[in-house]
Amino acid sequence: MKKQNKLRQTQSRRTDASRNLLQSYSAVKRFRLVKPSVPSSAGILPPHSDSHALVSRYRLEQFEDVSGALTAMRFIHASTPATELYLRMYQLESRQLPRRSELRPPDENFLAIGRAMEEIVDDPVDCYWLIRCFVNQFKLKFGDSIPHLPKSLEHFLSQEDAALLAHLKTSGALHSLPYCLWFRRCFAGCLPESSLQRSGHNDGLG
């Protein structure tokens, strides 16, 4: 029994020593330890307000590094629209930058979201960061569901407004609706920008 108590005391001291070392290291490196139970503002900003300026500076440096790399590669130039710049930055960071600079049809979905976000956010660094987070979150949560959303739309309409669904079907309008485009773009460019803003809140981005 005495040996077990002594062993526990030794382990406790080691744990305290490790914790103190980690705290000291974090203090020297100027970052804070965050307990798993502490919410991190959906990953947008750290919970400690005194770290916000540092995070903003890192994001600015990242923005300048990535855009500078694209400029050096002659992939963008001074007259490149901001939304296309955001697209190329996203492609470069996600290792999907094409060999040719011509826009492809799937790129229009990103550009539509980018244009909508520009109406909400003024700062280009914040705008790009929010676009990137929004697109990543959308792909992660709903990317695999997009092919099934038309059926989900019909099911939703049958529950909410069966008469409207019946009218759309009999008139042939249901299959003429560009809802596949709506879903791929998360309604950006199809509905007011405030709708995209609400979608961002629902996705945990704000």
Protein backbone atom coordinates (compact mmCIF):
# COMPACT_ATOMS: atom_id res chain seq x y z
CA MET A 1 0.00 0.00 0.00
CA LYS A 2 2.82 2.38 0.86
CA LYS A 3 4.52 1.56 -2.43
CA GLN A 4 1.34 2.36 -4.36
CA ASN A 5 0.92 5.69 -2.57
CA LYS A 6 4.54 6.54 -3.22
CA LEU A 7 4.14 5.63 -6.89
CA ARG A 8 1.03 7.82 -7.18
CA GLN A 9 2.84 10.74 -5.57
CA THR A 10 5.74 10.32 -7.99
CA GLN A 11 3.38 10.22 -10.99
CA SER A 12 1.54 13.28 -9.69
CA ARG A 13 4.79 15.22 -9.37
CA ARG A 14 5.77 14.23 -12.90
CA THR A 15 2.39 15.36 -14.21
CA ASP A 16 2.69 18.70 -12.40
CA ALA A 17 6.23 19.13 -13.69
CA SER A 18 5.13 18.40 -17.26
CA ARG A 19 2.21 20.81 -16.92
CA ASN A 20 4.45 23.54 -15.52
CA LEU A 21 6.97 22.98 -18.32
CA LEU A 22 4.24 23.22 -20.94
CA GLN A 23 2.84 26.37 -19.36
CA SER A 24 6.30 27.92 -19.21
CA TYR A 25 6.98 26.99 -22.83
CA SER A 26 3.67 28.46 -23.94
CA ALA A 27 4.45 31.66 -22.04
CA VAL A 28 7.86 31.95 -23.72
CA LYS A 29 6.38 31.28 -27.16
CA ARG A 30 3.50 33.65 -26.40
CA PHE A 31 0.60 31.36 -27.04
CA ARG A 32 -2.08 30.20 -24.64
CA LEU A 33 -3.21 26.73 -23.75
CA VAL A 34 -6.88 26.12 -24.48
CA LYS A 35 -8.82 23.50 -22.60
CA PRO A 36 -10.82 21.13 -24.83
CA SER A 37 -14.04 22.24 -23.14
CA VAL A 38 -13.48 25.90 -24.03
CA PRO A 39 -15.25 26.90 -27.27
CA SER A 40 -12.98 28.47 -29.88
CA SER A 41 -15.55 30.75 -31.56
CA ALA A 42 -16.09 28.17 -34.31
CA GLY A 43 -12.41 28.46 -35.20
CA ILE A 44 -12.79 32.03 -36.43
CA LEU A 45 -10.80 33.68 -33.64
CA PRO A 46 -9.09 32.29 -30.55
CA PRO A 47 -11.01 32.79 -27.29
CA HIS A 48 -8.32 35.11 -25.89
CA SER A 49 -8.85 38.64 -27.19
CA ASP A 50 -5.20 39.57 -26.73
CA SER A 51 -4.33 37.01 -29.43
CA HIS A 52 -6.61 38.53 -32.06
CA ALA A 53 -4.05 41.04 -33.33
CA LEU A 54 -1.45 38.29 -33.72
CA VAL A 55 -3.89 36.07 -35.62
CA SER A 56 -4.85 38.97 -37.89
CA ARG A 57 -1.18 39.63 -38.64
CA TYR A 58 -0.58 35.97 -39.49
CA ARG A 59 -3.56 35.99 -41.85
CA LEU A 60 -2.29 39.13 -43.55
CA GLU A 61 1.16 37.58 -43.98
CA GLN A 62 -0.38 34.41 -45.39
CA PHE A 63 -2.51 36.46 -47.79
CA GLU A 64 0.53 38.40 -49.00
CA ASP A 65 2.67 35.25 -49.33
CA VAL A 66 0.10 33.35 -51.40
CA SER A 67 -0.87 36.29 -53.61
CA GLY A 68 2.82 37.13 -54.03
CA ALA A 69 3.55 33.58 -55.15
CA LEU A 70 0.78 33.78 -57.75
CA THR A 71 2.19 37.08 -59.00
CA ALA A 72 5.68 35.59 -59.28
CA MET A 73 4.19 32.70 -61.26
CA ARG A 74 2.47 35.28 -63.52
CA PHE A 75 -0.83 33.63 -62.76
CA ILE A 76 -2.34 36.94 -61.65
CA HIS A 77 -1.56 40.57 -62.42
CA ALA A 78 -2.54 44.02 -61.21
CA SER A 79 -5.84 44.04 -63.09
CA THR A 80 -6.97 40.59 -61.91
CA PRO A 81 -10.41 40.88 -60.26
CA ALA A 82 -10.39 40.27 -56.52
CA THR A 83 -12.71 37.28 -56.76
CA GLU A 84 -10.44 35.58 -59.30
CA LEU A 85 -7.48 36.30 -57.01
CA TYR A 86 -9.32 34.56 -54.16
CA LEU A 87 -10.06 31.62 -56.45
CA ARG A 88 -6.41 31.19 -57.45
CA MET A 89 -5.26 31.58 -53.86
CA TYR A 90 -7.69 28.89 -52.77
CA GLN A 91 -6.59 26.59 -55.59
CA LEU A 92 -2.92 27.10 -54.75
CA GLU A 93 -3.43 26.46 -51.05
CA SER A 94 -5.50 23.35 -51.74
CA ARG A 95 -3.00 22.12 -54.36
CA GLN A 96 -5.56 22.35 -57.15
CA LEU A 97 -4.06 25.19 -59.18
CA PRO A 98 -4.48 24.31 -62.89
CA ARG A 99 -1.69 24.60 -65.42
CA ARG A 100 -3.67 27.03 -67.54
CA SER A 101 -5.17 30.29 -66.34
CA GLU A 102 -8.47 29.99 -68.23
CA LEU A 103 -11.50 29.76 -65.98
CA ARG A 104 -13.41 26.47 -65.99
CA PRO A 105 -17.17 26.03 -65.43
CA PRO A 106 -16.75 24.76 -61.81
CA ASP A 107 -14.76 27.92 -61.02
CA GLU A 108 -17.92 29.98 -61.51
CA ASN A 109 -19.40 28.49 -58.33
CA PHE A 110 -16.48 29.78 -56.26
CA LEU A 111 -16.57 33.15 -58.00
CA ALA A 112 -20.28 33.54 -57.28
CA ILE A 113 -19.69 32.88 -53.58
CA GLY A 114 -16.75 35.28 -53.68
CA ARG A 115 -18.83 38.08 -55.21
CA ALA A 116 -21.54 37.57 -52.62
CA MET A 117 -19.01 37.63 -49.79
CA GLU A 118 -17.52 40.86 -51.15
CA GLU A 119 -20.89 42.51 -50.53
CA ILE A 120 -20.69 41.48 -46.87
CA VAL A 121 -17.00 41.96 -46.00
CA ASP A 122 -14.90 44.99 -46.95
CA ASP A 123 -11.40 43.88 -45.98
CA PRO A 124 -9.86 41.63 -48.68
CA VAL A 125 -7.90 39.53 -46.17
CA ASP A 126 -10.98 38.81 -44.09
CA CYS A 127 -13.04 38.34 -47.24
CA TYR A 128 -10.72 35.66 -48.63
CA TRP A 129 -10.41 33.92 -45.28
CA LEU A 130 -14.20 33.76 -44.87
CA ILE A 131 -14.68 32.54 -48.45
CA ARG A 132 -12.14 29.79 -47.89
CA CYS A 133 -13.73 28.73 -44.60
CA PHE A 134 -17.22 28.87 -46.09
CA VAL A 135 -16.28 26.76 -49.13
CA ASN A 136 -14.39 24.21 -47.04
CA GLN A 137 -17.23 23.94 -44.55
CA PHE A 138 -19.78 23.63 -47.34
CA LYS A 139 -17.81 20.86 -49.06
CA LEU A 140 -17.24 19.03 -45.79
CA LYS A 141 -20.83 19.14 -44.59
CA PHE A 142 -22.82 19.07 -47.82
CA GLY A 143 -20.49 18.12 -50.67
CA ASP A 144 -21.64 14.49 -50.83
CA SER A 145 -25.29 15.50 -50.46
CA ILE A 146 -25.53 17.81 -53.49
CA PRO A 147 -26.62 15.06 -55.95
CA HIS A 148 -29.45 14.10 -53.58
CA LEU A 149 -30.70 17.62 -52.87
CA PRO A 150 -33.21 17.77 -55.77
CA LYS A 151 -35.07 14.80 -54.28
CA SER A 152 -34.85 16.43 -50.86
CA LEU A 153 -36.34 19.59 -52.35
CA GLU A 154 -39.30 17.65 -53.71
CA HIS A 155 -39.81 15.93 -50.36
CA PHE A 156 -39.65 19.27 -48.54
CA LEU A 157 -42.18 20.83 -50.91
CA SER A 158 -44.51 17.86 -50.50
CA GLN A 159 -44.49 18.47 -46.76
CA GLU A 160 -44.71 22.27 -46.83
CA ASP A 161 -46.79 23.05 -49.92
CA ALA A 162 -48.13 20.02 -51.78
CA ALA A 163 -50.26 22.21 -54.05
CA LEU A 164 -47.22 24.16 -55.21
CA LEU A 165 -45.30 20.94 -55.87
CA ALA A 166 -48.21 19.52 -57.89
CA HIS A 167 -48.43 22.74 -59.93
CA LEU A 168 -44.69 22.72 -60.65
CA LYS A 169 -44.87 19.12 -61.80
CA THR A 170 -47.94 19.46 -64.01
CA SER A 171 -46.61 22.63 -65.64
CA GLY A 172 -43.20 21.07 -66.21
CA ALA A 173 -41.55 23.91 -64.33
CA LEU A 174 -40.03 21.77 -61.58
CA HIS A 175 -37.35 20.24 -63.78
CA SER A 176 -36.72 23.59 -65.47
CA LEU A 177 -35.66 25.23 -62.22
CA PRO A 178 -31.88 25.68 -61.99
CA TYR A 179 -31.80 24.20 -58.50
CA CYS A 180 -28.60 22.21 -59.20
CA LEU A 181 -26.90 25.56 -59.81
CA TRP A 182 -28.47 26.96 -56.64
CA PHE A 183 -27.15 24.10 -54.55
CA ARG A 184 -23.62 24.13 -56.00
CA ARG A 185 -23.34 27.86 -55.35
CA CYS A 186 -25.19 27.77 -52.05
CA PHE A 187 -27.63 30.25 -53.65
CA ALA A 188 -24.88 32.87 -54.12
CA GLY A 189 -25.82 35.14 -57.01
CA CYS A 190 -29.32 33.63 -56.99
CA LEU A 191 -30.65 35.13 -53.77
CA PRO A 192 -29.82 38.33 -51.85
CA GLU A 193 -26.41 38.33 -50.14
CA SER A 194 -28.14 38.40 -46.75
CA SER A 195 -29.24 34.82 -47.43
CA LEU A 196 -25.63 33.75 -47.85
CA GLN A 197 -24.83 35.58 -44.63
CA ARG A 198 -27.50 33.58 -42.81
CA SER A 199 -26.16 30.38 -44.36
CA GLY A 200 -22.74 31.26 -42.96
CA HIS A 201 -24.23 31.60 -39.50
CA ASN A 202 -25.98 28.24 -39.86
CA ASP A 203 -22.73 26.60 -40.96
CA GLY A 204 -20.99 27.89 -37.85
CA LEU A 205 -18.91 30.58 -39.53
CA GLY A 206 -20.32 33.52 -37.62
